Every structure is written in C-alpha cells, then in structure tokens.
Protein backbone atom coordinates (compact mmCIF):
# COMPACT_ATOMS: atom_id res chain seq x y z
CA MET A 1 -4.85 11.67 11.61
CA PRO A 2 -3.05 9.77 8.82
CA LYS A 3 -3.91 10.54 5.20
CA ILE A 4 -3.70 8.38 2.08
CA THR A 5 -3.68 9.58 -1.51
CA ILE A 6 -4.13 7.21 -4.44
CA LEU A 7 -2.75 8.04 -7.88
CA PRO A 8 -3.54 8.28 -10.75
CA ALA A 9 -7.08 8.90 -9.47
CA ASN A 10 -5.64 11.65 -7.23
CA VAL A 11 -8.12 11.05 -4.42
CA SER A 12 -7.38 11.27 -0.70
CA ALA A 13 -8.89 10.30 2.61
CA GLU A 14 -8.02 10.69 6.26
CA VAL A 15 -7.92 7.28 7.93
CA GLU A 16 -7.34 5.82 11.36
CA ALA A 17 -3.77 4.96 12.35
CA GLY A 18 -3.24 1.24 11.84
CA GLU A 19 -5.60 1.06 8.86
CA ASN A 20 -4.66 -1.52 6.26
CA LEU A 21 -3.47 0.21 3.04
CA ILE A 22 -5.96 -1.59 0.83
CA GLU A 23 -8.84 -0.57 3.10
CA ALA A 24 -7.50 2.98 3.34
CA GLY A 25 -7.45 3.23 -0.46
CA GLU A 26 -11.04 2.04 -0.62
CA GLN A 27 -11.99 4.68 1.96
CA ALA A 28 -10.54 7.21 -0.49
CA GLY A 29 -12.97 5.87 -3.07
CA VAL A 30 -10.63 3.68 -5.11
CA GLU A 31 -11.30 0.02 -5.77
CA MET A 32 -7.95 -1.51 -4.87
CA GLU A 33 -6.87 -4.65 -6.70
CA ALA A 34 -6.03 -7.67 -4.56
CA GLY A 35 -6.05 -11.42 -4.88
CA CYS A 36 -5.00 -13.34 -1.79
CA PHE A 37 -5.26 -10.77 1.04
CA ASN A 38 -2.45 -12.60 2.87
CA CYS A 39 0.77 -11.25 1.35
CA SER A 40 1.46 -14.12 -1.01
CA CYS A 41 0.35 -13.33 -4.59
CA GLY A 42 1.60 -9.80 -5.34
CA THR A 43 -1.59 -8.66 -7.07
CA CYS A 44 -1.97 -5.67 -4.76
CA VAL A 45 1.50 -4.19 -5.35
CA CYS A 46 1.59 -0.38 -5.50
CA GLU A 47 4.36 2.15 -5.89
CA VAL A 48 4.94 4.22 -2.77
CA VAL A 49 5.43 7.72 -4.20
CA SER A 50 5.97 9.23 -0.76
CA GLY A 51 5.53 8.35 2.89
CA MET A 52 7.32 5.00 3.01
CA GLU A 53 8.41 5.92 6.54
CA ASN A 54 4.73 6.13 7.54
CA ILE A 55 3.86 2.49 6.86
CA THR A 56 4.78 -0.79 8.52
CA GLU A 57 8.10 -2.48 7.82
CA PRO A 58 8.10 -5.26 5.23
CA THR A 59 7.87 -8.82 6.47
CA PRO A 60 10.10 -11.58 5.08
CA GLU A 61 7.04 -12.96 3.24
CA GLU A 62 6.37 -9.60 1.58
CA LEU A 63 10.02 -9.26 0.59
CA ASP A 64 9.88 -12.71 -1.04
CA VAL A 65 6.80 -11.74 -3.08
CA LEU A 66 8.29 -8.41 -4.14
CA ASP A 67 11.49 -10.20 -5.16
CA ALA A 68 9.50 -12.71 -7.23
CA TRP A 69 7.86 -9.78 -9.07
CA ASN A 70 11.21 -7.94 -9.44
CA ARG A 71 9.91 -5.00 -7.39
CA ASP A 72 12.26 -2.94 -5.24
CA PRO A 73 10.92 -2.86 -1.65
CA GLU A 74 12.32 0.66 -1.34
CA LYS A 75 9.71 1.78 -3.92
CA TYR A 76 6.94 -0.84 -3.95
CA ARG A 77 4.81 -2.45 -1.26
CA LEU A 78 1.88 -4.82 -1.00
CA THR A 79 -1.26 -3.03 0.14
CA CYS A 80 -2.94 -6.11 1.63
CA CYS A 81 -0.35 -6.64 4.36
CA ASN A 82 0.78 -3.14 5.33
CA LYS A 83 -0.76 -0.47 7.51
CA ILE A 84 -0.54 3.29 7.58
CA LEU A 85 0.88 4.35 10.94
CA ARG A 86 1.04 8.15 10.73
CA GLY A 87 1.46 11.09 8.38
CA GLU A 88 0.68 10.98 4.69
CA VAL A 89 1.19 8.14 2.23
CA VAL A 90 0.89 8.57 -1.52
CA LEU A 91 0.44 5.37 -3.55
CA ARG A 92 0.34 4.86 -7.31
CA GLN A 93 -1.67 1.90 -8.56
CA ILE A 94 0.27 0.07 -11.23
CA HIS A 95 -2.31 -2.42 -12.52
C-alpha cells in the first residue's frame, strides 16, 4: 500500500493507490493548502523530497503553472492534480 509523509509536520499515512496527493496529505492529518483544485493556480505546490517516481507524470497544464511560479518540475508538484501510484512519497509543504 502506498505511503505519504508530509513535512515539516513529519506525519505519515498509508493510502490507496490512485489517491490524490492533497487528499492523501489530509488523511495523514495535515490540512493541505489549495485554491482552485484544477491545476491552474499553483497554491497547492509542494516540494517532492522523495518518491517523484511514485506519482503521476506532470500534465502540460501543471508544467505551465509550475513555470509561472518558477518551480522546477523535477522538485515541485501540484498536489491537487497528482496521484500517488505506489511506494512512498515524501512532500514538504512550502506555504
């Protein structure tokens, strides 16, 4: 079963494969910041500390938003439009 850990709170939860990252973080007990919930505002951006290979690939829309916020998609992702597929993902909230 996939696992998500949210920093700096350092809390974790096992979640179902295919769970949206923002919902997975809330299952771990962290109120995740988000604005639009449709991959357009960038409010939900988090640093992926580890496990990038365990989440969905970025869409062109997400890449545009990350570019607008000057965030490297190799290190940062939007939690509202990505899912955890397998393994462990460690995110750091930056807001």
